[in-house]
Amino acid sequence: LFISSIKIIILKLDNANLLADASPSFFKEGFFILKIETDQGLTGFGEPSTYGDKLENCINFVKNYLIDRIINKNISQVWRDLDAFRTDESLVSKGGQTSVIAALSHAILDIFGKERDTPIWRMFNSNNQKKQCFKQKVYASGGMYFDDQPIERLLDEVHEIKSKGYLAWKFRPPIPRNMSHNDRILKPPKININILSKIIPKIRDAVGEKFDLMIDFGCRLQDRDEIEHFLHLCDDYKFYFVEEPVVRNLESYKKLHKMNRCRIACGEHLFSHHEISEWVKNENFNIFQPDVNLIGFQNVKIVKKSKKYNKSIILHNWANGISNYANFHFASLIEDVDYVEKSTIPNPLREDLLNEELNFDQGIITLPNKAGLGITLNKEILD
């Protein structure tokens, strides 16, 4: 089985379809899909992380480096060589290269599954061999508004989320307009402590004690008093986890040691074996959040290894249709994944891109017994 072609499909929302509310930066900036074809007519799809590098740089990495190294090559050999595909960072950053390789891993396993007429979730896990489907707990991920909008909208949203059968929900402190995701990571904007502190008890009252709540601070807590205040507040109201309370470096997380009263989640930005190994040894966070659109299927062993350091696994899953399915398959390979994130922000690039719709019921996603990723692309969207 040899790779005969690799194609890039670029997608983004036009201005008419952009949301009035806060939304992921890639809605406007765009993203792309890898389409891999073989000499035997099999096709596989993959989706890289939108946060690895700029869209243009990632596309150039495919065109100017990757194509020459995989076209007319045995697909099994390409799979074995995935982590060796690296080039000068003047073309694209390590994060960009890794996200493209991750997408290639999605496409290759999609093809392997179709060749064997079996879903990815069954291919590598002996415990799944006799199952007809794979089930995974999910949490709803939304609660994203601008800081000039009423924060009470969070209450309206969580009522709606619960009414749809979700048993867990993650929200975010309101964000400034005209700041992209990368802008907020590089220069975290301040949080209105008073407003957020008042809404947290109301959210807990709205959903009751048995509903799991999470909050993603987006690295925005900036001094010791602020960190202690929110960690204690979230502990008092029994939050399932607090995500990325501080900036993304090990020293910042080490300083959480004496303040930490609730479970801390982080790791969506990690992709290299060295980085992951260093971070998971840190005792000051509890939940590792990898994403298969950055880390790739080929690195499942390094993710599973994090459990040796008493880390729970909850998958980051914030992108579009193909990445969404890939992460649920990834969860099946890891095993014992507490939750997989499921974005509930309206996204045509997720809902309308595929002909299939994820089977959701009472907080559980069920993957069917369909070969590979189990997806087909909507030709109307591609046109």
Protein backbone atom coordinates (compact mmCIF):
# COMPACT_ATOMS: atom_id res chain seq x y z
CA LEU A 1 0.00 0.00 0.00
CA PHE A 2 1.69 3.21 -1.22
CA ILE A 3 0.80 6.89 -0.83
CA SER A 4 -0.08 8.29 -4.25
CA SER A 5 -1.12 11.84 -3.36
CA ILE A 6 -1.50 14.34 -0.53
CA LYS A 7 -3.95 17.21 -0.84
CA ILE A 8 -4.59 20.30 1.28
CA ILE A 9 -8.18 21.45 1.79
CA ILE A 10 -8.40 24.96 3.30
CA LEU A 11 -11.54 25.98 5.17
CA LYS A 12 -12.67 29.05 7.10
CA LEU A 13 -15.88 30.88 7.91
CA ASP A 14 -16.74 33.90 5.79
CA ASN A 15 -17.67 37.14 7.53
CA ALA A 16 -21.39 36.46 7.12
CA ASN A 17 -21.11 33.27 9.18
CA LEU A 18 -18.86 34.54 11.97
CA LEU A 19 -20.46 34.54 15.41
CA ALA A 20 -21.37 37.76 17.18
CA ASP A 21 -20.23 36.14 20.44
CA ALA A 22 -16.68 35.18 21.31
CA SER A 23 -15.41 32.18 19.36
CA PRO A 24 -12.15 30.34 18.58
CA SER A 25 -9.68 32.36 16.49
CA PHE A 26 -9.55 29.70 13.76
CA PHE A 27 -13.15 30.50 12.75
CA LYS A 28 -11.78 33.59 11.02
CA GLU A 29 -8.15 32.62 10.43
CA GLY A 30 -9.00 29.26 8.89
CA PHE A 31 -7.55 25.76 9.09
CA PHE A 32 -6.84 22.92 6.72
CA ILE A 33 -7.44 19.21 6.24
CA LEU A 34 -4.95 16.68 4.90
CA LYS A 35 -6.34 14.22 2.37
CA ILE A 36 -4.10 11.22 1.71
CA GLU A 37 -4.78 8.84 -1.19
CA THR A 38 -3.20 5.46 -1.89
CA ASP A 39 -2.43 3.47 -5.02
CA GLN A 40 -5.29 1.11 -4.13
CA GLY A 41 -7.91 3.87 -3.97
CA LEU A 42 -8.14 4.21 -0.19
CA THR A 43 -8.46 7.73 1.24
CA GLY A 44 -7.65 9.04 4.72
CA PHE A 45 -8.25 12.41 6.36
CA GLY A 46 -6.43 14.28 9.11
CA GLU A 47 -6.69 17.65 10.83
CA PRO A 48 -3.73 19.50 12.40
CA SER A 49 -3.97 21.73 15.44
CA THR A 50 -4.82 25.33 14.63
CA TYR A 51 -2.49 26.43 17.44
CA GLY A 52 0.72 24.75 16.21
CA ASP A 53 1.77 27.64 13.97
CA LYS A 54 0.33 30.06 11.43
CA LEU A 55 -1.83 28.44 8.76
CA GLU A 56 0.48 29.59 5.95
CA ASN A 57 3.59 28.14 7.64
CA CYS A 58 1.97 24.74 8.16
CA ILE A 59 0.82 24.62 4.54
CA ASN A 60 4.34 25.49 3.36
CA PHE A 61 5.71 22.65 5.50
CA VAL A 62 3.44 20.22 3.64
CA LYS A 63 4.22 21.61 0.19
CA ASN A 64 7.94 22.29 0.55
CA TYR A 65 9.00 19.42 2.78
CA LEU A 66 6.50 16.66 3.53
CA ILE A 67 5.18 15.85 0.03
CA ASP A 68 8.59 14.83 -1.34
CA ARG A 69 9.15 12.51 1.62
CA ILE A 70 5.91 10.54 1.54
CA ILE A 71 4.66 10.41 -2.07
CA ASN A 72 5.17 6.93 -3.59
CA LYS A 73 6.35 5.64 -0.23
CA ASN A 74 5.03 2.55 1.56
CA ILE A 75 2.41 3.81 4.00
CA SER A 76 3.54 1.43 6.76
CA GLN A 77 7.07 2.81 6.51
CA VAL A 78 5.74 6.38 6.63
CA TRP A 79 3.85 5.48 9.82
CA ARG A 80 7.05 4.15 11.40
CA ASP A 81 8.97 7.29 10.35
CA LEU A 82 6.44 9.87 11.52
CA ASP A 83 8.52 11.35 14.34
CA ALA A 84 11.56 11.60 12.05
CA PHE A 85 9.90 14.11 9.70
CA ARG A 86 11.48 17.33 10.92
CA THR A 87 13.07 20.30 9.15
CA ASP A 88 14.63 23.70 9.79
CA GLU A 89 12.45 25.86 12.04
CA SER A 90 12.89 28.77 9.65
CA LEU A 91 10.17 27.10 7.56
CA VAL A 92 7.77 26.28 10.40
CA SER A 93 8.04 25.99 14.19
CA LYS A 94 8.29 22.67 16.01
CA GLY A 95 4.67 23.07 17.03
CA GLY A 96 3.61 23.57 13.43
CA GLN A 97 5.60 20.59 12.21
CA THR A 98 4.23 18.40 14.99
CA SER A 99 0.62 19.37 14.30
CA VAL A 100 0.97 18.52 10.60
CA ILE A 101 2.57 15.16 11.48
CA ALA A 102 -0.32 14.57 13.90
CA ALA A 103 -2.79 15.13 11.05
CA LEU A 104 -0.81 12.69 8.93
CA SER A 105 -1.15 10.12 11.73
CA HIS A 106 -4.97 10.58 11.64
CA ALA A 107 -5.04 10.03 7.88
CA ILE A 108 -2.79 6.96 7.97
CA LEU A 109 -4.83 5.22 10.67
CA ASP A 110 -8.00 6.16 8.81
CA ILE A 111 -6.57 4.28 5.81
CA PHE A 112 -5.33 1.33 7.88
CA GLY A 113 -8.82 0.99 9.37
CA LYS A 114 -10.48 1.08 5.94
CA GLU A 115 -8.00 -1.47 4.61
CA ARG A 116 -8.89 -3.84 7.50
CA ASP A 117 -12.57 -2.82 7.60
CA THR A 118 -12.31 -2.00 11.30
CA PRO A 119 -12.58 1.21 13.36
CA ILE A 120 -9.47 2.76 14.89
CA TRP A 121 -10.97 2.35 18.37
CA ARG A 122 -10.81 -1.44 17.91
CA MET A 123 -7.46 -1.78 16.09
CA PHE A 124 -4.97 -1.46 18.95
CA ASN A 125 -6.97 -2.29 22.06
CA SER A 126 -7.57 -5.98 22.75
CA ASN A 127 -10.28 -5.04 25.28
CA ASN A 128 -12.33 -3.59 22.41
CA GLN A 129 -12.06 -6.55 20.01
CA LYS A 130 -15.49 -7.99 20.78
CA LYS A 131 -17.30 -4.69 21.28
CA GLN A 132 -19.74 -3.31 18.72
CA CYS A 133 -19.19 0.30 19.78
CA PHE A 134 -16.98 2.48 21.97
CA LYS A 135 -18.44 4.73 24.67
CA GLN A 136 -16.73 7.74 26.25
CA LYS A 137 -17.79 10.32 28.83
CA VAL A 138 -17.71 13.91 27.59
CA TYR A 139 -18.04 17.35 29.10
CA ALA A 140 -19.58 20.33 27.36
CA SER A 141 -17.08 23.11 26.68
CA GLY A 142 -18.39 26.60 26.07
CA GLY A 143 -19.09 29.60 28.25
CA MET A 144 -17.10 31.96 26.05
CA TYR A 145 -18.20 35.61 26.03
CA PHE A 146 -16.72 39.07 25.67
CA ASP A 147 -16.14 41.17 28.76
CA ASP A 148 -18.59 43.82 27.51
CA GLN A 149 -21.44 41.26 27.45
CA PRO A 150 -23.59 40.40 30.49
CA ILE A 151 -21.90 37.64 32.47
CA GLU A 152 -25.35 36.31 33.38
CA ARG A 153 -25.39 34.72 29.94
CA LEU A 154 -23.34 31.96 31.55
CA LEU A 155 -26.39 31.03 33.61
CA ASP A 156 -28.61 30.84 30.53
CA GLU A 157 -26.07 28.65 28.79
CA VAL A 158 -25.52 26.19 31.63
CA HIS A 159 -29.31 25.69 31.96
CA GLU A 160 -29.45 24.87 28.25
CA ILE A 161 -26.43 22.55 28.49
CA LYS A 162 -27.97 20.60 31.35
CA SER A 163 -31.32 20.34 29.54
CA LYS A 164 -29.54 18.66 26.60
CA GLY A 165 -28.30 15.84 28.80
CA TYR A 166 -24.76 16.94 29.60
CA LEU A 167 -23.50 16.09 33.07
CA ALA A 168 -20.47 18.40 33.04
CA TRP A 169 -19.62 21.85 31.65
CA LYS A 170 -16.56 24.08 31.34
CA PHE A 171 -16.68 27.85 31.01
CA ARG A 172 -14.20 30.70 30.79
CA PRO A 173 -13.82 34.16 32.31
CA PRO A 174 -15.03 36.77 29.81
CA ILE A 175 -12.38 37.84 27.29
CA PRO A 176 -11.55 41.20 25.68
CA ARG A 177 -12.61 41.82 22.11
CA ASN A 178 -9.91 41.96 19.45
CA MET A 179 -7.51 39.66 21.30
CA SER A 180 -6.76 36.35 19.60
CA HIS A 181 -6.01 33.14 21.46
CA ASN A 182 -2.28 33.64 20.91
CA ASP A 183 -2.51 37.27 22.07
CA ARG A 184 -4.15 36.14 25.31
CA ILE A 185 -1.50 33.45 25.91
CA LEU A 186 1.39 35.84 25.27
CA LYS A 187 -0.10 38.70 27.28
CA PRO A 188 -2.87 37.36 29.54
CA PRO A 189 -5.56 40.00 30.12
CA LYS A 190 -6.69 40.73 33.67
CA ILE A 191 -9.86 39.16 35.03
CA ASN A 192 -12.63 41.12 36.72
CA ILE A 193 -12.32 39.31 40.05
CA ASN A 194 -15.49 40.74 41.57
CA ILE A 195 -17.82 39.88 38.69
CA LEU A 196 -16.46 36.35 38.22
CA SER A 197 -16.51 35.63 41.97
CA LYS A 198 -20.20 36.53 42.16
CA ILE A 199 -21.29 34.37 39.22
CA ILE A 200 -19.52 31.16 40.34
CA PRO A 201 -21.89 30.43 43.28
CA LYS A 202 -24.89 31.16 41.04
CA ILE A 203 -23.66 28.68 38.45
CA ARG A 204 -23.26 25.99 41.10
CA ASP A 205 -26.76 26.70 42.43
CA ALA A 206 -28.14 26.46 38.89
CA VAL A 207 -26.83 22.94 38.24
CA GLY A 208 -26.80 21.34 41.68
CA GLU A 209 -24.13 19.38 43.55
CA LYS A 210 -23.93 16.33 41.26
CA PHE A 211 -23.10 18.25 38.07
CA ASP A 212 -19.36 18.55 37.27
CA LEU A 213 -18.15 22.12 36.74
CA MET A 214 -14.82 23.16 35.26
CA ILE A 215 -13.27 26.54 34.52
CA ASP A 216 -10.51 27.40 32.04
CA PHE A 217 -8.62 30.46 33.26
CA GLY A 218 -6.51 30.60 30.10
CA CYS A 219 -3.29 31.37 32.04
CA ARG A 220 -4.81 34.63 33.32
CA LEU A 221 -4.37 34.53 37.12
CA GLN A 222 -1.56 36.97 37.78
CA ASP A 223 -0.60 37.27 41.44
CA ARG A 224 -0.59 35.11 44.54
CA ASP A 225 -3.70 36.66 46.12
CA GLU A 226 -5.71 36.23 42.91
CA ILE A 227 -4.56 32.63 42.46
CA GLU A 228 -5.35 31.69 46.06
CA HIS A 229 -8.73 33.40 45.91
CA PHE A 230 -9.96 31.49 42.86
CA LEU A 231 -8.44 28.14 43.78
CA HIS A 232 -10.16 28.31 47.16
CA LEU A 233 -13.42 29.55 45.64
CA CYS A 234 -13.49 26.74 43.07
CA ASP A 235 -12.70 24.22 45.80
CA ASP A 236 -15.51 25.58 47.98
CA TYR A 237 -17.97 25.12 45.11
CA LYS A 238 -16.62 21.66 44.27
CA PHE A 239 -15.25 22.26 40.78
CA TYR A 240 -14.06 19.11 39.02
CA PHE A 241 -10.93 20.91 37.82
CA VAL A 242 -9.37 24.31 37.25
CA GLU A 243 -7.60 24.57 33.89
CA GLU A 244 -4.43 26.56 33.21
CA PRO A 245 -4.70 29.02 36.09
CA VAL A 246 -1.19 30.42 35.45
CA VAL A 247 1.24 30.95 32.57
CA ARG A 248 2.60 27.90 30.78
CA ASN A 249 5.91 27.24 32.50
CA LEU A 250 6.94 24.71 35.11
CA GLU A 251 8.10 27.30 37.62
CA SER A 252 4.64 28.88 37.75
CA TYR A 253 3.06 25.49 38.44
CA LYS A 254 5.59 24.66 41.13
CA LYS A 255 4.46 27.80 42.97
CA LEU A 256 0.93 26.41 43.15
CA HIS A 257 2.05 23.75 45.63
CA LYS A 258 1.03 25.44 48.88
CA MET A 259 -2.09 27.07 47.42
CA ASN A 260 -3.52 24.08 45.61
CA ARG A 261 -6.84 22.92 47.07
CA CYS A 262 -8.49 21.64 43.89
CA ARG A 263 -7.50 19.59 40.86
CA ILE A 264 -5.40 21.44 38.31
CA ALA A 265 -5.49 20.59 34.59
CA CYS A 266 -3.01 21.59 31.89
CA GLY A 267 -0.92 20.24 29.01
CA GLU A 268 -2.84 21.02 25.82
CA HIS A 269 0.26 22.85 24.51
CA LEU A 270 2.69 19.94 25.02
CA PHE A 271 3.88 17.82 22.12
CA SER A 272 7.53 16.71 22.48
CA HIS A 273 8.50 13.61 24.47
CA HIS A 274 10.96 15.65 26.53
CA GLU A 275 8.42 18.34 27.43
CA ILE A 276 5.72 15.85 28.32
CA SER A 277 8.11 13.82 30.49
CA GLU A 278 9.23 16.93 32.36
CA TRP A 279 5.73 18.22 32.94
CA VAL A 280 4.03 15.00 34.04
CA LYS A 281 6.64 14.56 36.78
CA ASN A 282 5.40 17.84 38.29
CA GLU A 283 3.27 17.04 41.34
CA ASN A 284 1.47 20.38 41.27
CA PHE A 285 -1.08 19.51 38.61
CA ASN A 286 -3.36 16.49 38.49
CA ILE A 287 -4.84 16.22 35.01
CA PHE A 288 -2.94 15.96 31.71
CA GLN A 289 -4.85 17.32 28.68
CA PRO A 290 -3.22 16.19 25.43
CA ASP A 291 -4.86 16.68 22.03
CA VAL A 292 -4.37 14.20 19.19
CA ASN A 293 -4.30 17.05 16.65
CA LEU A 294 -0.99 18.17 18.17
CA ILE A 295 0.50 15.05 19.73
CA GLY A 296 -0.59 12.47 17.13
CA PHE A 297 -1.73 8.85 17.40
CA GLN A 298 1.86 7.61 17.22
CA ASN A 299 2.59 9.08 20.66
CA VAL A 300 -0.10 7.23 22.59
CA LYS A 301 2.53 5.42 24.69
CA ILE A 302 4.00 8.64 26.10
CA VAL A 303 0.48 9.76 27.07
CA LYS A 304 -0.27 6.46 28.79
CA LYS A 305 3.07 6.69 30.60
CA SER A 306 1.87 9.86 32.36
CA LYS A 307 -0.46 7.68 34.45
CA LYS A 308 2.62 6.37 36.26
CA TYR A 309 2.90 9.84 37.80
CA ASN A 310 -0.69 9.73 39.06
CA LYS A 311 -2.03 11.93 36.28
CA SER A 312 -5.61 11.56 35.13
CA ILE A 313 -6.17 11.97 31.39
CA ILE A 314 -8.81 14.33 30.01
CA LEU A 315 -8.45 15.09 26.31
CA HIS A 316 -8.40 18.62 24.98
CA ASN A 317 -10.76 18.66 21.98
CA TRP A 318 -11.57 22.14 20.75
CA ALA A 319 -11.19 22.01 16.97
CA ASN A 320 -13.23 20.85 13.99
CA GLY A 321 -14.95 17.74 12.64
CA ILE A 322 -12.05 15.40 11.86
CA SER A 323 -10.03 16.28 14.96
CA ASN A 324 -13.19 15.81 17.01
CA TYR A 325 -13.62 12.19 15.86
CA ALA A 326 -9.87 11.52 16.08
CA ASN A 327 -9.78 12.47 19.76
CA PHE A 328 -12.53 10.00 20.65
CA HIS A 329 -10.61 7.23 18.89
CA PHE A 330 -7.47 8.39 20.71
CA ALA A 331 -9.28 8.04 24.03
CA SER A 332 -10.00 4.39 23.21
CA LEU A 333 -6.28 3.70 22.74
CA ILE A 334 -5.27 5.44 25.98
CA GLU A 335 -8.00 3.72 28.06
CA ASP A 336 -9.47 5.03 31.31
CA VAL A 337 -9.83 8.60 30.00
CA ASP A 338 -11.94 10.51 32.54
CA TYR A 339 -13.51 12.85 30.02
CA VAL A 340 -13.10 14.10 26.47
CA GLU A 341 -13.89 17.76 25.85
CA LYS A 342 -16.80 18.43 23.49
CA SER A 343 -17.08 22.00 22.26
CA THR A 344 -20.65 23.31 22.36
CA ILE A 345 -19.86 26.64 20.69
CA PRO A 346 -21.75 26.64 17.34
CA ASN A 347 -19.26 25.70 14.62
CA PRO A 348 -20.25 24.90 11.00
CA LEU A 349 -16.69 23.64 10.45
CA ARG A 350 -17.49 20.89 12.96
CA GLU A 351 -21.23 20.29 12.58
CA ASP A 352 -21.54 20.55 8.79
CA LEU A 353 -18.12 19.33 7.59
CA LEU A 354 -18.98 15.66 8.02
CA ASN A 355 -21.97 13.62 6.88
CA GLU A 356 -21.96 11.82 10.24
CA GLU A 357 -23.12 13.17 13.58
CA LEU A 358 -21.67 11.95 16.86
CA ASN A 359 -24.10 9.85 18.86
CA PHE A 360 -24.58 11.71 22.16
CA ASP A 361 -26.83 10.69 25.02
CA GLN A 362 -26.72 11.65 28.72
CA GLY A 363 -23.08 12.69 28.81
CA ILE A 364 -21.81 9.79 26.67
CA ILE A 365 -20.50 9.74 23.09
CA THR A 366 -20.79 6.42 21.24
CA LEU A 367 -18.50 5.63 18.29
CA PRO A 368 -20.04 3.10 15.89
CA ASN A 369 -18.48 0.07 14.26
CA LYS A 370 -17.36 1.96 11.12
CA ALA A 371 -13.98 1.54 9.46
CA GLY A 372 -11.12 3.96 10.16
CA LEU A 373 -12.22 7.25 11.68
CA GLY A 374 -15.76 6.38 10.62
CA ILE A 375 -16.31 9.63 8.72
CA THR A 376 -17.10 10.96 5.24
CA LEU A 377 -16.81 14.61 4.19
CA ASN A 378 -19.77 16.73 3.13
CA LYS A 379 -19.11 17.61 -0.51
CA GLU A 380 -21.34 20.71 -0.33
CA ILE A 381 -19.07 22.24 2.33
CA LEU A 382 -15.95 21.40 0.35
CA ASP A 383 -17.40 23.02 -2.74
